[in-house]
Amino acid sequence: MKLSPRDANAYFAKPDTSRTGVLIYGTDPMRVALKRQQIIAALIGPQGEEEMRLTRIPAGDLRKDTALLNDALKAISFFPGPRVAFVEDANDIIAKTVIAALDDWQPDDATLIITAGNLKKTSKIRKAFESHRNAYAAALFDEPPTRAEIESDLAKSGLTDIAPDAMTDLTTLSRQLGPGDFRQVLEKLSLYKIGDATALSSDDVDACAPATTEAALDDILNIVAESRTREIGPVLSKLKAQGTQPVGLCIGATRHFRALYSAASDPGGAASGIARMRPPIFGPRRDRMLKQAQQWGVHRLETALTMLTDTDLQLRSAGQHAPAMALVERTLIRLAMLGAPR
């Protein structure tokens, strides 16, 4: 039988031991692996592998010895409890063996868990599970986790008090990261909040989110946008020592001020404009850029973009003789003075 995405998530969290088994397949190996780990843990518990109630069978081994799967399904453990026979990276080369195991399965046998890559509709293994009355076939698509899935994963770690902004940030982050990286963020959050009874906040999410390579560049852009003129020189010196190029700095500043302009000029207001941005902006960075956009206003941002465009043209001009970094520094100072509160 086919499982819809919603039914599949419910089944992975609480599988029915009376079922023959499930085929989990999809294009993303990490998504398949995470769901396979979830259902096996739900079936045999944390001690199941130590108690020898889990048998792993690589598809390559099954090609050499077709009796391995049937033996794993029929084997009886020394310890009581549900058993699992897990076949990894299955394909149609072992379809005959898998189909025979499905037909021969009995209620006292181990649950059969099979994982595979992207299987076509004509796949024999896929057809066998989809047409079986007591087994499931679950296709995993390259979609980010739903809000309910994120809440469920957090709840398993004891995090049930989640601020609305934090959940929005996590949902946004799940669309930017792969499933494995996002799972690591959730694990970091669970460790980060140990002994902390306060609600999970945007600051917590920001503290556990992966660091970006543009963090140092963001620092100087925020300094300029917030009119902290005296800090520009020292930070620029550090960026120069790190190898930051003047043209790259100018491009980054243009991108930042263009984003502020898009937010400030949005018909629904700056908050609406920030929410529309792609890639999404979340957490403290979102609040910071919103404040900057509201402070600058459309007209001053237009002037800022004109100044940056002129500087960029000068940097790329063959007749430019002034030191490039000095030229960029002068522009950034002028921008900081332009954006000062009035």
C-alpha atoms as a PDB file:
ATOM      1  CA  MET A   1       0.000   0.000   0.000  1.00  0.00           C
ATOM      2  CA  LYS A   2       1.143   3.510  -0.719  1.00  0.00           C
ATOM      3  CA  LEU A   3       1.621   5.880   2.203  1.00  0.00           C
ATOM      4  CA  SER A   4       0.897   9.568   1.751  1.00  0.00           C
ATOM      5  CA  PRO A   5       3.505  11.949   3.238  1.00  0.00           C
ATOM      6  CA  ARG A   6       1.225  12.713   6.195  1.00  0.00           C
ATOM      7  CA  ASP A   7       0.428   9.056   6.885  1.00  0.00           C
ATOM      8  CA  ALA A   8       4.079   8.118   6.418  1.00  0.00           C
ATOM      9  CA  ASN A   9       5.228  10.562   9.111  1.00  0.00           C
ATOM     10  CA  ALA A  10       2.651   9.162  11.530  1.00  0.00           C
ATOM     11  CA  TYR A  11       3.696   5.592  10.735  1.00  0.00           C
ATOM     12  CA  PHE A  12       7.425   6.307  11.110  1.00  0.00           C
ATOM     13  CA  ALA A  13       6.779   7.780  14.562  1.00  0.00           C
ATOM     14  CA  LYS A  14       4.521   4.926  15.697  1.00  0.00           C
ATOM     15  CA  PRO A  15       4.873   1.857  13.452  1.00  0.00           C
ATOM     16  CA  ASP A  16       2.520  -1.115  13.595  1.00  0.00           C
ATOM     17  CA  THR A  17       4.440  -4.301  14.415  1.00  0.00           C
ATOM     18  CA  SER A  18       1.706  -6.406  12.796  1.00  0.00           C
ATOM     19  CA  ARG A  19       2.695  -5.049   9.374  1.00  0.00           C
ATOM     20  CA  THR A  20       5.074  -6.988   7.154  1.00  0.00           C
ATOM     21  CA  GLY A  21       7.273  -3.978   6.622  1.00  0.00           C
ATOM     22  CA  VAL A  22       7.896  -0.798   4.687  1.00  0.00           C
ATOM     23  CA  LEU A  23       9.889   0.327   1.661  1.00  0.00           C
ATOM     24  CA  ILE A  24      11.394   3.816   2.109  1.00  0.00           C
ATOM     25  CA  TYR A  25      12.783   5.376  -1.053  1.00  0.00           C
ATOM     26  CA  GLY A  26      13.723   8.806  -2.419  1.00  0.00           C
ATOM     27  CA  THR A  27      16.365  10.845  -4.214  1.00  0.00           C
ATOM     28  CA  ASP A  28      17.953  12.262  -1.045  1.00  0.00           C
ATOM     29  CA  PRO A  29      19.917   9.565   0.845  1.00  0.00           C
ATOM     30  CA  MET A  30      19.983  11.666   4.038  1.00  0.00           C
ATOM     31  CA  ARG A  31      16.183  12.001   4.184  1.00  0.00           C
ATOM     32  CA  VAL A  32      15.832   8.261   3.628  1.00  0.00           C
ATOM     33  CA  ALA A  33      18.426   7.493   6.315  1.00  0.00           C
ATOM     34  CA  LEU A  34      16.801   9.778   8.893  1.00  0.00           C
ATOM     35  CA  LYS A  35      13.360   8.213   8.403  1.00  0.00           C
ATOM     36  CA  ARG A  36      14.837   4.731   8.480  1.00  0.00           C
ATOM     37  CA  GLN A  37      16.575   5.539  11.771  1.00  0.00           C
ATOM     38  CA  GLN A  38      13.325   6.902  13.177  1.00  0.00           C
ATOM     39  CA  ILE A  39      11.195   3.874  12.374  1.00  0.00           C
ATOM     40  CA  ILE A  40      13.809   1.338  13.501  1.00  0.00           C
ATOM     41  CA  ALA A  41      14.237   3.188  16.804  1.00  0.00           C
ATOM     42  CA  ALA A  42      10.461   3.251  17.254  1.00  0.00           C
ATOM     43  CA  LEU A  43      10.229  -0.493  16.581  1.00  0.00           C
ATOM     44  CA  ILE A  44      13.068  -1.927  18.664  1.00  0.00           C
ATOM     45  CA  GLY A  45      13.886   0.894  21.113  1.00  0.00           C
ATOM     46  CA  PRO A  46      17.303   2.238  22.142  1.00  0.00           C
ATOM     47  CA  GLN A  47      18.622  -1.185  23.260  1.00  0.00           C
ATOM     48  CA  GLY A  48      17.353  -3.146  20.265  1.00  0.00           C
ATOM     49  CA  GLU A  49      20.636  -3.348  18.390  1.00  0.00           C
ATOM     50  CA  GLU A  50      22.583  -4.326  21.515  1.00  0.00           C
ATOM     51  CA  GLU A  51      20.026  -7.064  22.149  1.00  0.00           C
ATOM     52  CA  MET A  52      20.591  -8.371  18.600  1.00  0.00           C
ATOM     53  CA  ARG A  53      17.049  -7.611  17.490  1.00  0.00           C
ATOM     54  CA  LEU A  54      18.285  -5.749  14.400  1.00  0.00           C
ATOM     55  CA  THR A  55      19.837  -7.464  11.381  1.00  0.00           C
ATOM     56  CA  ARG A  56      21.476  -5.238   8.743  1.00  0.00           C
ATOM     57  CA  ILE A  57      21.849  -6.642   5.252  1.00  0.00           C
ATOM     58  CA  PRO A  58      23.558  -4.619   2.494  1.00  0.00           C
ATOM     59  CA  ALA A  59      21.955  -5.273  -0.886  1.00  0.00           C
ATOM     60  CA  GLY A  60      25.325  -6.443  -2.218  1.00  0.00           C
ATOM     61  CA  ASP A  61      25.468  -9.241   0.366  1.00  0.00           C
ATOM     62  CA  LEU A  62      21.939 -10.291  -0.491  1.00  0.00           C
ATOM     63  CA  ARG A  63      22.920 -10.735  -4.141  1.00  0.00           C
ATOM     64  CA  LYS A  64      25.612 -13.191  -3.088  1.00  0.00           C
ATOM     65  CA  ASP A  65      23.481 -15.097  -0.588  1.00  0.00           C
ATOM     66  CA  THR A  66      19.718 -14.912  -1.171  1.00  0.00           C
ATOM     67  CA  ALA A  67      18.982 -16.879   2.019  1.00  0.00           C
ATOM     68  CA  LEU A  68      20.230 -14.040   4.260  1.00  0.00           C
ATOM     69  CA  LEU A  69      16.934 -12.151   4.217  1.00  0.00           C
ATOM     70  CA  ASN A  70      14.703 -15.112   4.956  1.00  0.00           C
ATOM     71  CA  ASP A  71      17.022 -16.222   7.750  1.00  0.00           C
ATOM     72  CA  ALA A  72      16.929 -12.726   9.288  1.00  0.00           C
ATOM     73  CA  LEU A  73      13.131 -12.634   9.184  1.00  0.00           C
ATOM     74  CA  LYS A  74      12.753 -16.042  10.822  1.00  0.00           C
ATOM     75  CA  ALA A  75      15.595 -15.768  13.371  1.00  0.00           C
ATOM     76  CA  ILE A  76      14.643 -15.620  17.055  1.00  0.00           C
ATOM     77  CA  SER A  77      16.554 -13.330  19.418  1.00  0.00           C
ATOM     78  CA  PHE A  78      17.702 -14.292  22.909  1.00  0.00           C
ATOM     79  CA  PHE A  79      15.920 -11.136  24.105  1.00  0.00           C
ATOM     80  CA  PRO A  80      12.171 -10.499  23.935  1.00  0.00           C
ATOM     81  CA  GLY A  81      10.729  -7.721  21.823  1.00  0.00           C
ATOM     82  CA  PRO A  82      10.095  -6.740  18.195  1.00  0.00           C
ATOM     83  CA  ARG A  83      12.776  -7.567  15.613  1.00  0.00           C
ATOM     84  CA  VAL A  84      13.809  -5.810  12.405  1.00  0.00           C
ATOM     85  CA  ALA A  85      15.474  -7.077   9.239  1.00  0.00           C
ATOM     86  CA  PHE A  86      16.917  -4.079   7.424  1.00  0.00           C
ATOM     87  CA  VAL A  87      18.022  -4.158   3.767  1.00  0.00           C
ATOM     88  CA  GLU A  88      20.019  -1.125   2.642  1.00  0.00           C
ATOM     89  CA  ASP A  89      20.331   0.352  -0.872  1.00  0.00           C
ATOM     90  CA  ALA A  90      17.959  -2.094  -2.498  1.00  0.00           C
ATOM     91  CA  ASN A  91      17.364  -2.253  -6.244  1.00  0.00           C
ATOM     92  CA  ASP A  92      15.620  -4.505  -8.735  1.00  0.00           C
ATOM     93  CA  ILE A  93      18.600  -6.866  -8.921  1.00  0.00           C
ATOM     94  CA  ILE A  94      17.436  -8.327  -5.600  1.00  0.00           C
ATOM     95  CA  ALA A  95      13.712  -7.903  -6.385  1.00  0.00           C
ATOM     96  CA  LYS A  96      13.102 -11.653  -6.682  1.00  0.00           C
ATOM     97  CA  THR A  97      14.557 -12.280  -3.208  1.00  0.00           C
ATOM     98  CA  VAL A  98      12.605  -9.414  -1.614  1.00  0.00           C
ATOM     99  CA  ILE A  99       9.309 -10.450  -3.223  1.00  0.00           C
ATOM    100  CA  ALA A 100       9.816 -14.034  -2.047  1.00  0.00           C
ATOM    101  CA  ALA A 101      10.421 -12.757   1.505  1.00  0.00           C
ATOM    102  CA  LEU A 102       7.234 -10.665   1.366  1.00  0.00           C
ATOM    103  CA  ASP A 103       5.189 -13.663   0.250  1.00  0.00           C
ATOM    104  CA  ASP A 104       6.705 -15.931   2.915  1.00  0.00           C
ATOM    105  CA  TRP A 105       6.360 -13.479   5.834  1.00  0.00           C
ATOM    106  CA  GLN A 106       4.463 -14.683   8.915  1.00  0.00           C
ATOM    107  CA  PRO A 107       3.080 -12.669  11.906  1.00  0.00           C
ATOM    108  CA  ASP A 108       5.900 -13.828  14.217  1.00  0.00           C
ATOM    109  CA  ASP A 109       8.632 -12.794  11.782  1.00  0.00           C
ATOM    110  CA  ALA A 110      10.758  -9.657  12.032  1.00  0.00           C
ATOM    111  CA  THR A 111       9.524  -6.435  10.470  1.00  0.00           C
ATOM    112  CA  LEU A 112      11.097  -5.872   7.055  1.00  0.00           C
ATOM    113  CA  ILE A 113      12.570  -2.408   6.472  1.00  0.00           C
ATOM    114  CA  ILE A 114      13.995  -1.699   3.014  1.00  0.00           C
ATOM    115  CA  THR A 115      15.607   1.544   1.842  1.00  0.00           C
ATOM    116  CA  ALA A 116      16.335   2.514  -1.749  1.00  0.00           C
ATOM    117  CA  GLY A 117      17.155   5.463  -3.949  1.00  0.00           C
ATOM    118  CA  ASN A 118      14.807   6.880  -6.541  1.00  0.00           C
ATOM    119  CA  LEU A 119      12.661   3.993  -7.816  1.00  0.00           C
ATOM    120  CA  LYS A 120      10.717   4.284 -11.069  1.00  0.00           C
ATOM    121  CA  LYS A 121       7.067   3.312 -11.285  1.00  0.00           C
ATOM    122  CA  THR A 122       8.147   0.199 -13.154  1.00  0.00           C
ATOM    123  CA  SER A 123      10.409  -0.943 -10.297  1.00  0.00           C
ATOM    124  CA  LYS A 124       9.543  -4.489  -9.266  1.00  0.00           C
ATOM    125  CA  ILE A 125      10.311  -3.833  -5.597  1.00  0.00           C
ATOM    126  CA  ARG A 126       8.180  -0.687  -5.565  1.00  0.00           C
ATOM    127  CA  LYS A 127       5.276  -2.477  -7.257  1.00  0.00           C
ATOM    128  CA  ALA A 128       5.532  -5.371  -4.804  1.00  0.00           C
ATOM    129  CA  PHE A 129       5.228  -3.120  -1.740  1.00  0.00           C
ATOM    130  CA  GLU A 130       2.550  -0.862  -3.248  1.00  0.00           C
ATOM    131  CA  SER A 131       0.360  -3.837  -4.144  1.00  0.00           C
ATOM    132  CA  HIS A 132       0.952  -5.768  -0.904  1.00  0.00           C
ATOM    133  CA  ARG A 133      -1.985  -5.824   1.506  1.00  0.00           C
ATOM    134  CA  ASN A 134       0.117  -5.800   4.655  1.00  0.00           C
ATOM    135  CA  ALA A 135       3.195  -3.747   3.646  1.00  0.00           C
ATOM    136  CA  TYR A 136       3.771  -0.082   2.893  1.00  0.00           C
ATOM    137  CA  ALA A 137       5.700   1.919   0.319  1.00  0.00           C
ATOM    138  CA  ALA A 138       6.708   5.460   1.341  1.00  0.00           C
ATOM    139  CA  ALA A 139       8.223   7.902  -1.150  1.00  0.00           C
ATOM    140  CA  LEU A 140      10.265  10.758   0.359  1.00  0.00           C
ATOM    141  CA  PHE A 141      10.295  13.979  -1.622  1.00  0.00           C
ATOM    142  CA  ASP A 142      12.845  16.793  -1.390  1.00  0.00           C
ATOM    143  CA  GLU A 143      10.642  18.940   0.815  1.00  0.00           C
ATOM    144  CA  PRO A 144      11.562  20.651   4.084  1.00  0.00           C
ATOM    145  CA  PRO A 145       9.982  19.368   7.303  1.00  0.00           C
ATOM    146  CA  THR A 146       6.581  20.710   8.245  1.00  0.00           C
ATOM    147  CA  ARG A 147       5.951  22.825  11.331  1.00  0.00           C
ATOM    148  CA  ALA A 148       4.406  19.792  13.024  1.00  0.00           C
ATOM    149  CA  GLU A 149       7.510  17.685  12.329  1.00  0.00           C
ATOM    150  CA  ILE A 150       9.809  20.372  13.741  1.00  0.00           C
ATOM    151  CA  GLU A 151       7.661  20.676  16.879  1.00  0.00           C
ATOM    152  CA  SER A 152       7.660  16.892  17.250  1.00  0.00           C
ATOM    153  CA  ASP A 153      11.464  16.680  16.959  1.00  0.00           C
ATOM    154  CA  LEU A 154      11.888  19.468  19.518  1.00  0.00           C
ATOM    155  CA  ALA A 155       9.402  17.840  21.882  1.00  0.00           C
ATOM    156  CA  LYS A 156      11.472  14.635  21.867  1.00  0.00           C
ATOM    157  CA  SER A 157      14.323  16.701  23.296  1.00  0.00           C
ATOM    158  CA  GLY A 158      12.072  18.236  25.929  1.00  0.00           C
ATOM    159  CA  LEU A 159      11.646  21.580  24.153  1.00  0.00           C
ATOM    160  CA  THR A 160       7.936  22.307  24.169  1.00  0.00           C
ATOM    161  CA  ASP A 161       7.917  26.024  25.018  1.00  0.00           C
ATOM    162  CA  ILE A 162       8.783  27.697  21.704  1.00  0.00           C
ATOM    163  CA  ALA A 163       8.319  31.390  20.992  1.00  0.00           C
ATOM    164  CA  PRO A 164       6.421  32.130  17.726  1.00  0.00           C
ATOM    165  CA  ASP A 165       9.414  34.017  16.272  1.00  0.00           C
ATOM    166  CA  ALA A 166      11.702  31.093  17.054  1.00  0.00           C
ATOM    167  CA  MET A 167       9.402  28.668  15.242  1.00  0.00           C
ATOM    168  CA  THR A 168       9.279  31.011  12.249  1.00  0.00           C
ATOM    169  CA  ASP A 169      13.072  31.136  12.235  1.00  0.00           C
ATOM    170  CA  LEU A 170      13.363  27.350  12.454  1.00  0.00           C
ATOM    171  CA  THR A 171      10.887  26.884   9.607  1.00  0.00           C
ATOM    172  CA  THR A 172      12.900  29.329   7.505  1.00  0.00           C
ATOM    173  CA  LEU A 173      16.159  27.621   8.431  1.00  0.00           C
ATOM    174  CA  SER A 174      14.765  24.208   7.471  1.00  0.00           C
ATOM    175  CA  ARG A 175      14.296  25.520   3.931  1.00  0.00           C
ATOM    176  CA  GLN A 176      17.894  26.714   3.720  1.00  0.00           C
ATOM    177  CA  LEU A 177      19.667  23.657   5.138  1.00  0.00           C
ATOM    178  CA  GLY A 178      19.752  20.036   4.139  1.00  0.00           C
ATOM    179  CA  PRO A 179      17.955  17.527   6.390  1.00  0.00           C
ATOM    180  CA  GLY A 180      21.167  16.366   8.068  1.00  0.00           C
ATOM    181  CA  ASP A 181      22.406  19.881   8.815  1.00  0.00           C
ATOM    182  CA  PHE A 182      18.987  20.916  10.110  1.00  0.00           C
ATOM    183  CA  ARG A 183      18.849  17.882  12.389  1.00  0.00           C
ATOM    184  CA  GLN A 184      22.221  18.958  13.833  1.00  0.00           C
ATOM    185  CA  VAL A 185      20.778  22.412  14.561  1.00  0.00           C
ATOM    186  CA  LEU A 186      17.899  20.813  16.493  1.00  0.00           C
ATOM    187  CA  GLU A 187      20.364  18.655  18.439  1.00  0.00           C
ATOM    188  CA  LYS A 188      22.459  21.735  19.272  1.00  0.00           C
ATOM    189  CA  LEU A 189      19.340  23.528  20.491  1.00  0.00           C
ATOM    190  CA  SER A 190      18.433  20.648  22.800  1.00  0.00           C
ATOM    191  CA  LEU A 191      21.927  20.784  24.337  1.00  0.00           C
ATOM    192  CA  TYR A 192      21.997  24.580  24.399  1.00  0.00           C
ATOM    193  CA  LYS A 193      18.756  24.732  26.423  1.00  0.00           C
ATOM    194  CA  ILE A 194      19.700  22.146  29.053  1.00  0.00           C
ATOM    195  CA  GLY A 195      18.927  23.669  32.433  1.00  0.00           C
ATOM    196  CA  ASP A 196      17.228  26.688  30.842  1.00  0.00           C
ATOM    197  CA  ALA A 197      13.483  26.810  31.574  1.00  0.00           C
ATOM    198  CA  THR A 198      12.790  29.882  29.415  1.00  0.00           C
ATOM    199  CA  ALA A 199      11.016  29.611  26.062  1.00  0.00           C
ATOM    200  CA  LEU A 200      13.110  28.833  22.981  1.00  0.00           C
ATOM    201  CA  SER A 201      13.782  32.239  21.388  1.00  0.00           C
ATOM    202  CA  SER A 202      15.101  33.672  18.120  1.00  0.00           C
ATOM    203  CA  ASP A 203      18.382  34.436  19.880  1.00  0.00           C
ATOM    204  CA  ASP A 204      18.720  30.744  20.790  1.00  0.00           C
ATOM    205  CA  VAL A 205      18.124  29.720  17.185  1.00  0.00           C
ATOM    206  CA  ASP A 206      20.637  32.290  15.961  1.00  0.00           C
ATOM    207  CA  ALA A 207      23.231  31.021  18.446  1.00  0.00           C
ATOM    208  CA  CYS A 208      22.890  27.446  17.170  1.00  0.00           C
ATOM    209  CA  ALA A 209      22.481  28.172  13.456  1.00  0.00           C
ATOM    210  CA  PRO A 210      25.511  27.482  11.220  1.00  0.00           C
ATOM    211  CA  ALA A 211      27.865  30.428  10.905  1.00  0.00           C
ATOM    212  CA  THR A 212      27.998  32.084   7.483  1.00  0.00           C
ATOM    213  CA  THR A 213      31.176  32.931   5.616  1.00  0.00           C
ATOM    214  CA  GLU A 214      29.897  36.483   5.236  1.00  0.00           C
ATOM    215  CA  ALA A 215      29.718  37.179   8.973  1.00  0.00           C
ATOM    216  CA  ALA A 216      32.732  39.532   8.966  1.00  0.00           C
ATOM    217  CA  LEU A 217      31.371  41.424   5.975  1.00  0.00           C
ATOM    218  CA  ASP A 218      27.989  41.721   7.696  1.00  0.00           C
ATOM    219  CA  ASP A 219      29.703  43.412  10.639  1.00  0.00           C
ATOM    220  CA  ILE A 220      31.037  46.318   8.566  1.00  0.00           C
ATOM    221  CA  LEU A 221      27.762  46.682   6.657  1.00  0.00           C
ATOM    222  CA  ASN A 222      25.788  46.920   9.895  1.00  0.00           C
ATOM    223  CA  ILE A 223      28.260  49.472  11.248  1.00  0.00           C
ATOM    224  CA  VAL A 224      27.715  51.635   8.163  1.00  0.00           C
ATOM    225  CA  ALA A 225      23.930  51.199   8.107  1.00  0.00           C
ATOM    226  CA  GLU A 226      23.742  52.107  11.806  1.00  0.00           C
ATOM    227  CA  SER A 227      25.949  55.212  11.353  1.00  0.00           C
ATOM    228  CA  ARG A 228      28.710  54.044  13.727  1.00  0.00           C
ATOM    229  CA  THR A 229      31.275  56.058  11.775  1.00  0.00           C
ATOM    230  CA  ARG A 230      34.189  55.754  14.215  1.00  0.00           C
ATOM    231  CA  GLU A 231      34.178  51.948  13.976  1.00  0.00           C
ATOM    232  CA  ILE A 232      34.583  51.815  10.191  1.00  0.00           C
ATOM    233  CA  GLY A 233      38.376  52.330  10.045  1.00  0.00           C
ATOM    234  CA  PRO A 234      39.426  49.629  12.560  1.00  0.00           C
ATOM    235  CA  VAL A 235      37.052  47.001  11.113  1.00  0.00           C
ATOM    236  CA  LEU A 236      38.138  47.777   7.550  1.00  0.00           C
ATOM    237  CA  SER A 237      41.759  47.271   8.596  1.00  0.00           C
ATOM    238  CA  LYS A 238      40.896  43.806   9.895  1.00  0.00           C
ATOM    239  CA  LEU A 239      38.992  42.934   6.698  1.00  0.00           C
ATOM    240  CA  LYS A 240      41.927  44.101   4.581  1.00  0.00           C
ATOM    241  CA  ALA A 241      44.288  41.930   6.630  1.00  0.00           C
ATOM    242  CA  GLN A 242      41.985  38.974   6.024  1.00  0.00           C
ATOM    243  CA  GLY A 243      42.235  39.488   2.262  1.00  0.00           C
ATOM    244  CA  THR A 244      38.905  41.180   1.582  1.00  0.00           C
ATOM    245  CA  GLN A 245      39.005  42.942  -1.781  1.00  0.00           C
ATOM    246  CA  PRO A 246      37.609  46.484  -2.295  1.00  0.00           C
ATOM    247  CA  VAL A 247      35.393  45.424  -5.208  1.00  0.00           C
ATOM    248  CA  GLY A 248      33.915  42.572  -3.149  1.00  0.00           C
ATOM    249  CA  LEU A 249      33.286  44.959  -0.267  1.00  0.00           C
ATOM    250  CA  CYS A 250      31.520  47.393  -2.589  1.00  0.00           C
ATOM    251  CA  ILE A 251      29.394  44.612  -4.070  1.00  0.00           C
ATOM    252  CA  GLY A 252      28.444  43.414  -0.577  1.00  0.00           C
ATOM    253  CA  ALA A 253      27.480  46.943   0.489  1.00  0.00           C
ATOM    254  CA  THR A 254      25.394  47.382  -2.666  1.00  0.00           C
ATOM    255  CA  ARG A 255      23.590  44.101  -2.017  1.00  0.00           C
ATOM    256  CA  HIS A 256      22.871  45.089   1.588  1.00  0.00           C
ATOM    257  CA  PHE A 257      21.527  48.547   0.740  1.00  0.00           C
ATOM    258  CA  ARG A 258      19.513  47.184  -2.159  1.00  0.00           C
ATOM    259  CA  ALA A 259      17.836  44.785   0.278  1.00  0.00           C
ATOM    260  CA  LEU A 260      17.092  47.691   2.631  1.00  0.00           C
ATOM    261  CA  TYR A 261      15.658  49.672  -0.288  1.00  0.00           C
ATOM    262  CA  SER A 262      13.414  46.751  -1.320  1.00  0.00           C
ATOM    263  CA  ALA A 263      12.108  46.522   2.226  1.00  0.00           C
ATOM    264  CA  ALA A 264      11.600  50.277   2.667  1.00  0.00           C
ATOM    265  CA  SER A 265       9.801  50.627  -0.682  1.00  0.00           C
ATOM    266  CA  ASP A 266       7.467  47.641  -0.220  1.00  0.00           C
ATOM    267  CA  PRO A 267       3.780  48.702  -0.439  1.00  0.00           C
ATOM    268  CA  GLY A 268       3.007  46.657   2.674  1.00  0.00           C
ATOM    269  CA  GLY A 269       5.712  48.335   4.729  1.00  0.00           C
ATOM    270  CA  ALA A 270       9.282  47.456   5.645  1.00  0.00           C
ATOM    271  CA  ALA A 271       8.265  44.412   7.709  1.00  0.00           C
ATOM    272  CA  SER A 272       6.394  42.972   4.739  1.00  0.00           C
ATOM    273  CA  GLY A 273       9.353  43.702   2.479  1.00  0.00           C
ATOM    274  CA  ILE A 274      11.767  41.873   4.783  1.00  0.00           C
ATOM    275  CA  ALA A 275       9.416  38.878   4.909  1.00  0.00           C
ATOM    276  CA  ARG A 276       9.357  38.660   1.096  1.00  0.00           C
ATOM    277  CA  MET A 277      13.141  38.466   0.694  1.00  0.00           C
ATOM    278  CA  ARG A 278      14.810  35.413  -0.797  1.00  0.00           C
ATOM    279  CA  PRO A 279      16.801  33.808   0.618  1.00  0.00           C
ATOM    280  CA  PRO A 280      14.777  34.436   3.767  1.00  0.00           C
ATOM    281  CA  ILE A 281      16.164  36.534   6.624  1.00  0.00           C
ATOM    282  CA  PHE A 282      15.422  35.407  10.174  1.00  0.00           C
ATOM    283  CA  GLY A 283      16.240  35.989  13.809  1.00  0.00           C
ATOM    284  CA  PRO A 284      18.076  39.052  15.140  1.00  0.00           C
ATOM    285  CA  ARG A 285      19.420  39.795  11.638  1.00  0.00           C
ATOM    286  CA  ARG A 286      15.846  40.250  10.399  1.00  0.00           C
ATOM    287  CA  ASP A 287      14.988  42.629  13.242  1.00  0.00           C
ATOM    288  CA  ARG A 288      18.217  44.547  12.691  1.00  0.00           C
ATOM    289  CA  MET A 289      17.644  45.027   8.955  1.00  0.00           C
ATOM    290  CA  LEU A 290      14.038  46.041   9.572  1.00  0.00           C
ATOM    291  CA  LYS A 291      15.177  48.764  11.952  1.00  0.00           C
ATOM    292  CA  GLN A 292      17.802  49.930   9.442  1.00  0.00           C
ATOM    293  CA  ALA A 293      15.285  50.107   6.589  1.00  0.00           C
ATOM    294  CA  GLN A 294      12.853  52.118   8.701  1.00  0.00           C
ATOM    295  CA  GLN A 295      15.596  54.489   9.842  1.00  0.00           C
ATOM    296  CA  TRP A 296      16.975  55.199   6.367  1.00  0.00           C
ATOM    297  CA  GLY A 297      13.758  55.555   4.366  1.00  0.00           C
ATOM    298  CA  VAL A 298      13.368  55.242   0.614  1.00  0.00           C
ATOM    299  CA  HIS A 299      14.930  58.553  -0.477  1.00  0.00           C
ATOM    300  CA  ARG A 300      18.168  58.239   1.498  1.00  0.00           C
ATOM    301  CA  LEU A 301      18.527  54.617   0.362  1.00  0.00           C
ATOM    302  CA  GLU A 302      18.210  55.756  -3.258  1.00  0.00           C
ATOM    303  CA  THR A 303      21.050  58.221  -2.649  1.00  0.00           C
ATOM    304  CA  ALA A 304      23.127  55.493  -0.979  1.00  0.00           C
ATOM    305  CA  LEU A 305      22.717  53.145  -3.949  1.00  0.00           C
ATOM    306  CA  THR A 306      23.755  55.935  -6.328  1.00  0.00           C
ATOM    307  CA  MET A 307      26.919  56.553  -4.284  1.00  0.00           C
ATOM    308  CA  LEU A 308      27.773  52.846  -4.269  1.00  0.00           C
ATOM    309  CA  THR A 309      27.193  52.550  -8.015  1.00  0.00           C
ATOM    310  CA  ASP A 310      29.508  55.495  -8.664  1.00  0.00           C
ATOM    311  CA  THR A 311      32.174  53.959  -6.415  1.00  0.00           C
ATOM    312  CA  ASP A 312      31.888  50.618  -8.170  1.00  0.00           C
ATOM    313  CA  LEU A 313      32.365  52.289 -11.563  1.00  0.00           C
ATOM    314  CA  GLN A 314      35.422  54.124 -10.253  1.00  0.00           C
ATOM    315  CA  LEU A 315      36.954  50.905  -8.927  1.00  0.00           C
ATOM    316  CA  ARG A 316      36.528  49.228 -12.309  1.00  0.00           C
ATOM    317  CA  SER A 317      37.733  52.241 -14.309  1.00  0.00           C
ATOM    318  CA  ALA A 318      41.061  51.854 -16.098  1.00  0.00           C
ATOM    319  CA  GLY A 319      41.922  55.468 -15.304  1.00  0.00           C
ATOM    320  CA  GLN A 320      41.467  55.086 -11.544  1.00  0.00           C
ATOM    321  CA  HIS A 321      44.672  55.943  -9.653  1.00  0.00           C
ATOM    322  CA  ALA A 322      43.467  56.430  -6.041  1.00  0.00           C
ATOM    323  CA  PRO A 323      43.993  53.474  -3.647  1.00  0.00           C
ATOM    324  CA  ALA A 324      40.959  51.239  -4.039  1.00  0.00           C
ATOM    325  CA  MET A 325      40.452  50.484  -0.331  1.00  0.00           C
ATOM    326  CA  ALA A 326      40.747  54.172   0.560  1.00  0.00           C
ATOM    327  CA  LEU A 327      38.086  54.943  -2.047  1.00  0.00           C
ATOM    328  CA  VAL A 328      35.725  52.370  -0.544  1.00  0.00           C
ATOM    329  CA  GLU A 329      36.428  53.587   2.998  1.00  0.00           C
ATOM    330  CA  ARG A 330      35.561  57.158   2.029  1.00  0.00           C
ATOM    331  CA  THR A 331      32.267  55.987   0.504  1.00  0.00           C
ATOM    332  CA  LEU A 332      31.361  53.953   3.584  1.00  0.00           C
ATOM    333  CA  ILE A 333      32.064  56.919   5.870  1.00  0.00           C
ATOM    334  CA  ARG A 334      29.894  59.145   3.674  1.00  0.00           C
ATOM    335  CA  LEU A 335      27.131  56.531   3.814  1.00  0.00           C
ATOM    336  CA  ALA A 336      27.339  56.326   7.601  1.00  0.00           C
ATOM    337  CA  MET A 337      27.037  60.093   7.856  1.00  0.00           C
ATOM    338  CA  LEU A 338      24.132  60.102   5.375  1.00  0.00           C
ATOM    339  CA  GLY A 339      22.182  57.582   7.449  1.00  0.00           C
ATOM    340  CA  ALA A 340      22.654  59.342  10.793  1.00  0.00           C
ATOM    341  CA  PRO A 341      19.326  59.922  12.616  1.00  0.00           C
ATOM    342  CA  ARG A 342      17.754  63.286  11.956  1.00  0.00           C
END
